Amino acid sequence: MSLNPTAAAQVCRCLRSKEMFIHQDEPGWDISQSSSGIFWCMHTQNCLGPDGKVAEPENCQAGRSCHEID
């Protein structure tokens, strides 16, 4: 899975993936580079956000009531 750079910049800061907790030698790694397909929301600690929708890069974008950006 790979988002275009503009979309990747808009992914909610509360979206998490297990790759975020593995040492990466590549500078500039971000959530859109995750290949596991396993994501969760920091707010709920599960695969659904507070609004009941799936937590994944394509969905965790501006427009969702729970979306947060840096």
N, C-alpha and C. Protein backbone atom coordinates (compact mmCIF):
# COMPACT_ATOMS: atom_id res chain seq x y z
N MET A 1 0.84 -1.16 0.00
CA MET A 1 0.00 0.00 0.00
C MET A 1 0.88 1.22 0.00
N SER A 2 0.53 2.20 -0.81
CA SER A 2 1.29 3.43 -0.86
C SER A 2 0.36 4.57 -1.25
N LEU A 3 0.39 5.63 -0.49
CA LEU A 3 -0.41 6.81 -0.78
C LEU A 3 0.44 7.80 -1.54
N ASN A 4 -0.21 8.68 -2.29
CA ASN A 4 0.58 9.72 -2.93
C ASN A 4 1.10 10.66 -1.84
N PRO A 5 2.17 11.41 -2.07
CA PRO A 5 2.78 12.24 -1.03
C PRO A 5 1.84 13.25 -0.41
N THR A 6 0.94 13.82 -1.17
CA THR A 6 -0.01 14.79 -0.62
C THR A 6 -0.96 14.11 0.35
N ALA A 7 -1.49 12.96 -0.02
CA ALA A 7 -2.40 12.23 0.85
C ALA A 7 -1.69 11.74 2.10
N ALA A 8 -0.44 11.29 1.95
CA ALA A 8 0.32 10.81 3.10
C ALA A 8 0.52 11.92 4.12
N ALA A 9 0.71 13.14 3.68
CA ALA A 9 0.90 14.27 4.58
C ALA A 9 -0.36 14.59 5.37
N GLN A 10 -1.52 14.15 4.91
CA GLN A 10 -2.79 14.46 5.56
C GLN A 10 -3.30 13.34 6.46
N VAL A 11 -2.57 12.24 6.57
CA VAL A 11 -3.00 11.13 7.41
C VAL A 11 -3.01 11.58 8.87
N CYS A 12 -4.03 11.17 9.60
CA CYS A 12 -4.19 11.55 11.01
C CYS A 12 -2.97 11.14 11.82
N ARG A 13 -2.55 12.01 12.72
CA ARG A 13 -1.38 11.73 13.54
C ARG A 13 -1.64 10.65 14.59
N CYS A 14 -2.89 10.26 14.78
CA CYS A 14 -3.24 9.23 15.76
C CYS A 14 -3.31 7.83 15.17
N LEU A 15 -3.07 7.70 13.87
CA LEU A 15 -3.06 6.39 13.23
C LEU A 15 -1.72 5.71 13.53
N ARG A 16 -1.78 4.45 13.89
CA ARG A 16 -0.57 3.70 14.23
C ARG A 16 -0.48 2.40 13.45
N SER A 17 0.76 1.93 13.29
CA SER A 17 1.05 0.66 12.64
C SER A 17 2.24 0.05 13.36
N LYS A 18 2.34 -1.27 13.36
CA LYS A 18 3.45 -1.91 14.08
C LYS A 18 4.80 -1.51 13.53
N GLU A 19 4.89 -1.14 12.25
CA GLU A 19 6.17 -0.72 11.68
C GLU A 19 6.71 0.55 12.34
N MET A 20 5.85 1.31 12.99
CA MET A 20 6.30 2.53 13.65
C MET A 20 7.19 2.22 14.85
N PHE A 21 7.14 0.99 15.35
CA PHE A 21 7.88 0.62 16.55
C PHE A 21 9.08 -0.27 16.25
N ILE A 22 9.44 -0.37 14.98
CA ILE A 22 10.60 -1.14 14.54
C ILE A 22 11.63 -0.15 14.03
N HIS A 23 12.88 -0.34 14.42
CA HIS A 23 13.93 0.57 13.97
C HIS A 23 13.99 0.56 12.44
N GLN A 24 13.92 1.72 11.87
CA GLN A 24 13.98 1.86 10.42
C GLN A 24 15.25 2.61 10.05
N ASP A 25 16.01 2.08 9.12
CA ASP A 25 17.22 2.74 8.67
C ASP A 25 16.95 3.83 7.64
N GLU A 26 15.71 3.85 7.14
CA GLU A 26 15.37 4.81 6.11
C GLU A 26 14.85 6.10 6.73
N PRO A 27 15.51 7.23 6.48
CA PRO A 27 15.01 8.49 7.02
C PRO A 27 13.69 8.88 6.34
N GLY A 28 12.83 9.53 7.08
CA GLY A 28 11.59 10.03 6.50
C GLY A 28 10.50 8.99 6.40
N TRP A 29 10.62 7.86 7.09
CA TRP A 29 9.58 6.84 7.03
C TRP A 29 8.28 7.40 7.60
N ASP A 30 7.16 7.05 6.97
CA ASP A 30 5.87 7.48 7.52
C ASP A 30 4.85 6.35 7.41
N ILE A 31 3.70 6.55 8.00
CA ILE A 31 2.65 5.53 8.10
C ILE A 31 2.21 5.01 6.73
N SER A 32 2.28 5.83 5.71
CA SER A 32 1.83 5.39 4.38
C SER A 32 2.73 4.32 3.78
N GLN A 33 3.91 4.10 4.38
CA GLN A 33 4.83 3.08 3.87
C GLN A 33 4.62 1.73 4.55
N SER A 34 3.66 1.65 5.47
CA SER A 34 3.40 0.40 6.16
C SER A 34 2.86 -0.64 5.20
N SER A 35 3.40 -1.84 5.26
CA SER A 35 2.95 -2.89 4.37
C SER A 35 2.19 -4.00 5.10
N SER A 36 2.04 -3.87 6.42
CA SER A 36 1.40 -4.95 7.17
C SER A 36 -0.11 -4.99 6.98
N GLY A 37 -0.71 -3.83 6.70
CA GLY A 37 -2.17 -3.78 6.60
C GLY A 37 -2.84 -3.77 7.95
N ILE A 38 -2.05 -3.71 9.02
CA ILE A 38 -2.60 -3.69 10.38
C ILE A 38 -2.42 -2.29 10.96
N PHE A 39 -3.53 -1.61 11.18
CA PHE A 39 -3.52 -0.25 11.71
C PHE A 39 -4.46 -0.15 12.89
N TRP A 40 -4.20 0.81 13.76
CA TRP A 40 -5.13 1.08 14.85
C TRP A 40 -5.11 2.57 15.17
N CYS A 41 -6.13 2.99 15.87
CA CYS A 41 -6.30 4.39 16.27
C CYS A 41 -5.80 4.57 17.69
N MET A 42 -5.02 5.59 17.92
CA MET A 42 -4.53 5.88 19.27
C MET A 42 -5.67 6.24 20.23
N HIS A 43 -6.74 6.82 19.71
CA HIS A 43 -7.86 7.20 20.56
C HIS A 43 -8.57 5.98 21.14
N THR A 44 -8.81 4.98 20.29
CA THR A 44 -9.61 3.82 20.70
C THR A 44 -8.78 2.58 21.00
N GLN A 45 -7.54 2.56 20.54
CA GLN A 45 -6.64 1.41 20.69
C GLN A 45 -7.17 0.16 19.98
N ASN A 46 -7.96 0.36 18.91
CA ASN A 46 -8.38 -0.76 18.09
C ASN A 46 -8.48 -0.31 16.64
N CYS A 47 -9.01 -1.17 15.79
CA CYS A 47 -9.01 -0.90 14.35
C CYS A 47 -10.08 0.08 13.90
N LEU A 48 -10.90 0.55 14.83
CA LEU A 48 -11.93 1.55 14.50
C LEU A 48 -11.60 2.85 15.21
N GLY A 49 -11.87 3.96 14.53
CA GLY A 49 -11.70 5.26 15.15
C GLY A 49 -12.89 5.59 16.04
N PRO A 50 -12.86 6.72 16.75
CA PRO A 50 -13.95 7.12 17.62
C PRO A 50 -15.29 7.29 16.89
N ASP A 51 -15.21 7.51 15.58
CA ASP A 51 -16.43 7.68 14.79
C ASP A 51 -16.97 6.35 14.26
N GLY A 52 -16.32 5.23 14.63
CA GLY A 52 -16.78 3.91 14.22
C GLY A 52 -16.32 3.46 12.85
N LYS A 53 -15.54 4.28 12.18
CA LYS A 53 -15.02 3.93 10.85
C LYS A 53 -13.64 3.29 10.98
N VAL A 54 -13.27 2.50 9.97
CA VAL A 54 -11.99 1.77 9.98
C VAL A 54 -10.81 2.75 10.01
N ALA A 55 -9.83 2.40 10.83
CA ALA A 55 -8.60 3.18 10.93
C ALA A 55 -7.58 2.61 9.96
N GLU A 56 -7.33 3.33 8.88
CA GLU A 56 -6.33 2.98 7.87
C GLU A 56 -5.98 4.24 7.11
N PRO A 57 -4.82 4.30 6.48
CA PRO A 57 -4.37 5.54 5.84
C PRO A 57 -5.37 6.16 4.86
N GLU A 58 -6.05 5.34 4.09
CA GLU A 58 -7.00 5.88 3.11
C GLU A 58 -8.20 6.54 3.78
N ASN A 59 -8.56 6.09 4.98
CA ASN A 59 -9.73 6.61 5.67
C ASN A 59 -9.39 7.71 6.67
N CYS A 60 -8.22 7.66 7.26
CA CYS A 60 -7.85 8.61 8.32
C CYS A 60 -7.30 9.90 7.71
N GLN A 61 -8.19 10.60 7.05
CA GLN A 61 -7.85 11.84 6.34
C GLN A 61 -8.72 12.99 6.85
N ALA A 62 -8.39 14.19 6.43
CA ALA A 62 -9.18 15.37 6.79
C ALA A 62 -10.63 15.14 6.42
N GLY A 63 -11.52 15.62 7.25
CA GLY A 63 -12.94 15.45 7.01
C GLY A 63 -13.60 14.55 8.05
N ARG A 64 -12.82 13.68 8.65
CA ARG A 64 -13.34 12.84 9.74
C ARG A 64 -13.37 13.68 11.01
N SER A 65 -14.39 13.46 11.83
CA SER A 65 -14.54 14.27 13.05
C SER A 65 -13.38 14.06 14.03
N CYS A 66 -12.70 12.94 13.97
CA CYS A 66 -11.63 12.63 14.90
C CYS A 66 -10.24 12.95 14.33
N HIS A 67 -10.17 13.41 13.10
CA HIS A 67 -8.88 13.64 12.42
C HIS A 67 -8.05 14.70 13.14
N GLU A 68 -6.77 14.37 13.36
CA GLU A 68 -5.82 15.34 13.94
C GLU A 68 -4.60 15.39 13.04
N ILE A 69 -4.09 16.56 12.84
CA ILE A 69 -2.88 16.75 12.05
C ILE A 69 -1.86 17.49 12.92
N ASP A 70 -0.57 17.26 12.69
CA ASP A 70 0.48 17.90 13.50
C ASP A 70 0.40 19.38 13.47
